[in-house]
């Protein structure tokens, strides 16, 4: 079995990544990158179609064309902005994936400290690397990103359950912990902004 087969197999059985051949971080990065690039091109294409359609509707509608907001709107600049965003996200994808690996590793090390489960660096890296197979879903238009996120949650919690001998519920709680933190920070910021009004 080669690494590409293992990468795709990790979508169903992330715990098998602990056997040879192993998809480590470097391999997961190079196998996930093409899916990420394709998903960014889909965003670029969607943005082009929406901006082009909107631009032609404004041109054909005299009422909208004279409105000050639409009169000063430069659609080519808007498209350049989208192109820059897509280019930067593709170029910095390895850095983003590395940061994701570090955040998950720190999260697991802290939370696994309160359990009997092992916290070896290599095992955690293999578990997290196997979850990067979820980038396959990012090529599906519109629903790809939510599917990728849900798939990664499933893969990480299944890996914790099967390889670290944790219960299914505890595995899921550990994986969802960073999302709870993000949600808490988001709600706190909204509360602060509402209080300042």
Protein backbone atom coordinates (compact mmCIF):
# COMPACT_ATOMS: atom_id res chain seq x y z
CA UNK A 1 0.00 0.00 0.00
CA UNK A 2 1.43 3.38 -0.96
CA UNK A 3 1.07 6.72 0.82
CA UNK A 4 -1.66 8.02 -1.48
CA UNK A 5 -3.84 4.97 -0.76
CA UNK A 6 -3.19 5.39 2.96
CA UNK A 7 -4.12 9.08 2.74
CA UNK A 8 -7.51 8.19 1.25
CA UNK A 9 -7.97 5.24 3.63
CA UNK A 10 -7.44 7.61 6.57
CA UNK A 11 -10.86 9.10 5.75
CA UNK A 12 -12.47 5.92 7.04
CA UNK A 13 -9.86 4.42 9.36
CA UNK A 14 -7.55 7.10 10.79
CA UNK A 15 -6.27 4.63 13.38
CA UNK A 16 -4.56 2.64 10.57
CA UNK A 17 -2.14 5.52 10.05
CA UNK A 18 -0.16 4.11 12.99
CA UNK A 19 0.81 1.12 10.80
CA UNK A 20 3.24 1.19 7.89
CA UNK A 21 3.11 3.15 5.57
CA UNK A 22 2.44 6.17 7.72
CA UNK A 23 1.23 9.52 6.41
CA UNK A 24 3.26 11.92 8.53
CA UNK A 25 2.95 15.70 8.57
CA UNK A 26 5.14 16.31 5.49
CA UNK A 27 3.26 13.74 3.39
CA UNK A 28 -0.13 14.99 4.63
CA UNK A 29 0.86 18.53 3.66
CA UNK A 30 1.86 17.62 0.10
CA UNK A 31 -1.19 15.39 -0.39
CA UNK A 32 -3.64 17.97 1.03
CA UNK A 33 -2.23 20.97 -0.83
CA UNK A 34 -3.68 20.10 -4.29
CA UNK A 35 -7.19 19.76 -2.79
CA UNK A 36 -6.77 23.11 -1.05
CA UNK A 37 -5.53 24.78 -4.27
CA UNK A 38 -8.51 23.36 -6.20
CA UNK A 39 -10.93 24.65 -3.53
CA UNK A 40 -9.37 28.14 -3.75
CA UNK A 41 -9.78 28.13 -7.53
CA UNK A 42 -13.44 27.27 -7.03
CA UNK A 43 -13.75 30.30 -4.74
CA UNK A 44 -12.03 32.44 -7.38
CA UNK A 45 -14.36 31.15 -10.11
CA UNK A 46 -17.45 31.70 -7.94
CA UNK A 47 -16.32 35.24 -7.09
CA UNK A 48 -15.71 36.00 -10.78
CA UNK A 49 -19.17 34.74 -11.78
CA UNK A 50 -20.92 36.66 -8.98
CA UNK A 51 -19.01 39.91 -9.61
CA UNK A 52 -19.47 39.64 -13.38
CA UNK A 53 -23.20 38.95 -13.02
CA UNK A 54 -23.63 41.81 -10.53
CA UNK A 55 -21.66 44.18 -12.75
CA UNK A 56 -23.81 43.40 -15.82
CA UNK A 57 -27.01 43.85 -13.79
CA UNK A 58 -25.88 47.29 -12.62
CA UNK A 59 -24.95 48.27 -16.17
CA UNK A 60 -28.38 47.19 -17.46
CA UNK A 61 -30.28 48.95 -14.69
CA UNK A 62 -30.25 52.78 -15.04
CA UNK A 63 -31.56 53.26 -11.48
CA UNK A 64 -28.68 51.31 -9.95
CA UNK A 65 -26.07 52.74 -12.31
CA UNK A 66 -26.66 56.32 -11.09
CA UNK A 67 -26.64 55.40 -7.41
CA UNK A 68 -23.47 56.91 -5.80
CA UNK A 69 -22.45 53.62 -4.14
CA UNK A 70 -22.56 51.58 -7.37
CA UNK A 71 -21.22 54.45 -9.49
CA UNK A 72 -17.94 54.49 -7.53
CA UNK A 73 -17.66 50.71 -7.17
CA UNK A 74 -14.69 49.32 -9.08
CA UNK A 75 -15.37 45.66 -9.88
CA UNK A 76 -11.89 45.03 -11.26
CA UNK A 77 -10.40 46.15 -7.92
CA UNK A 78 -12.81 43.85 -6.10
CA UNK A 79 -11.70 40.94 -8.29
CA UNK A 80 -8.03 41.80 -7.65
CA UNK A 81 -8.75 41.69 -3.91
CA UNK A 82 -10.27 38.20 -4.22
CA UNK A 83 -7.32 37.07 -6.37
CA UNK A 84 -4.84 38.36 -3.78
CA UNK A 85 -6.69 36.59 -0.98
CA UNK A 86 -6.69 33.29 -2.92
CA UNK A 87 -3.01 33.61 -3.86
CA UNK A 88 -1.91 34.39 -0.29
CA UNK A 89 -3.97 31.52 1.15
CA UNK A 90 -2.38 29.06 -1.34
CA UNK A 91 1.17 30.32 -0.69
CA UNK A 92 0.80 30.25 3.11
CA UNK A 93 -1.08 26.93 3.26
CA UNK A 94 1.97 25.02 4.64
CA UNK A 95 2.32 27.59 7.43
CA UNK A 96 -1.41 27.36 8.19
CA UNK A 97 -1.29 23.55 8.30
CA UNK A 98 1.78 23.65 10.55
CA UNK A 99 -0.02 26.06 12.92
CA UNK A 100 -3.03 23.74 12.91
CA UNK A 101 -0.76 20.80 13.80
CA UNK A 102 0.82 22.75 16.68
CA UNK A 103 -2.55 23.91 18.09
CA UNK A 104 -4.00 20.38 18.01
CA UNK A 105 -0.84 18.91 19.54
CA UNK A 106 -0.84 21.41 22.43
CA UNK A 107 -4.58 20.90 22.98
CA UNK A 108 -4.23 17.11 23.09
CA UNK A 109 -1.16 17.21 25.34
CA UNK A 110 -2.95 19.42 27.87
CA UNK A 111 -6.25 17.52 27.84
CA UNK A 112 -4.74 14.02 27.70
CA UNK A 113 -2.75 14.92 30.84
CA UNK A 114 -6.01 14.41 32.78
CA UNK A 115 -6.50 10.90 31.37
CA UNK A 116 -4.53 7.66 31.43
CA UNK A 117 -3.83 7.93 27.67
CA UNK A 118 -0.25 8.20 26.35
CA UNK A 119 0.91 11.61 25.15
CA UNK A 120 3.83 10.69 22.93
CA UNK A 121 4.74 13.33 20.36
CA UNK A 122 4.98 10.89 17.44
CA UNK A 123 1.59 9.27 18.13
CA UNK A 124 -0.13 12.64 18.39
CA UNK A 125 1.49 13.79 15.15
CA UNK A 126 0.31 10.64 13.32
CA UNK A 127 -3.21 11.11 14.65
CA UNK A 128 -3.37 14.77 13.57
CA UNK A 129 -1.74 14.03 10.19
CA UNK A 130 -4.37 11.38 9.48
CA UNK A 131 -7.10 13.99 10.04
CA UNK A 132 -5.70 16.16 7.23
CA UNK A 133 -7.29 13.70 4.78
CA UNK A 134 -10.44 15.72 5.44
CA UNK A 135 -9.08 18.32 2.96
CA UNK A 136 -10.43 16.03 0.24
CA UNK A 137 -13.91 17.39 1.04
CA UNK A 138 -12.83 21.00 0.48
CA UNK A 139 -13.11 20.50 -3.31
CA UNK A 140 -16.92 20.19 -3.05
CA UNK A 141 -18.44 23.57 -3.93
CA UNK A 142 -20.29 25.51 -1.18
CA UNK A 143 -20.50 22.68 1.39
CA UNK A 144 -16.85 21.58 1.20
CA UNK A 145 -15.55 23.61 4.15
CA UNK A 146 -18.25 22.54 6.64
CA UNK A 147 -17.85 18.93 5.46
CA UNK A 148 -14.08 19.19 5.94
CA UNK A 149 -14.50 20.54 9.48
CA UNK A 150 -17.02 17.82 10.44
CA UNK A 151 -14.84 15.14 8.88
CA UNK A 152 -11.78 16.33 10.78
CA UNK A 153 -13.70 16.27 14.07
CA UNK A 154 -14.82 12.71 13.30
CA UNK A 155 -11.32 11.55 12.30
CA UNK A 156 -9.64 13.03 15.37
CA UNK A 157 -12.23 11.69 17.81
CA UNK A 158 -12.18 8.23 16.16
CA UNK A 159 -8.37 8.19 16.31
CA UNK A 160 -8.42 9.12 20.02
CA UNK A 161 -11.06 6.48 20.66
CA UNK A 162 -9.33 3.61 18.79
CA UNK A 163 -5.64 4.33 19.40
CA UNK A 164 -5.62 6.13 22.74
CA UNK A 165 -8.29 3.90 24.31
CA UNK A 166 -10.58 6.78 25.28
CA UNK A 167 -14.37 6.52 25.29
CA UNK A 168 -16.22 7.92 22.28
CA UNK A 169 -17.82 10.72 24.31
CA UNK A 170 -14.54 11.78 25.96
CA UNK A 171 -12.76 11.73 22.59
CA UNK A 172 -15.43 13.97 21.08
CA UNK A 173 -15.30 16.40 24.04
CA UNK A 174 -11.49 16.67 23.73
CA UNK A 175 -11.71 17.36 19.99
CA UNK A 176 -14.54 19.89 20.37
CA UNK A 177 -12.77 21.74 23.21
CA UNK A 178 -10.97 24.27 20.90
CA UNK A 179 -14.29 24.95 19.15
CA UNK A 180 -15.93 25.69 22.52
CA UNK A 181 -13.07 28.10 23.30
CA UNK A 182 -13.48 29.85 19.90
CA UNK A 183 -17.25 30.09 20.43
CA UNK A 184 -16.74 31.49 23.95
CA UNK A 185 -14.29 34.14 22.70
CA UNK A 186 -16.67 35.05 19.85
CA UNK A 187 -19.65 35.42 22.21
CA UNK A 188 -17.54 37.45 24.66
CA UNK A 189 -16.50 39.86 21.88
CA UNK A 190 -20.13 40.24 20.77
CA UNK A 191 -21.12 40.91 24.40
CA UNK A 192 -18.40 43.56 24.74
CA UNK A 193 -19.44 45.25 21.48
CA UNK A 194 -23.11 45.29 22.52
CA UNK A 195 -22.20 46.68 25.96
CA UNK A 196 -20.20 49.50 24.35
CA UNK A 197 -23.17 50.74 22.30
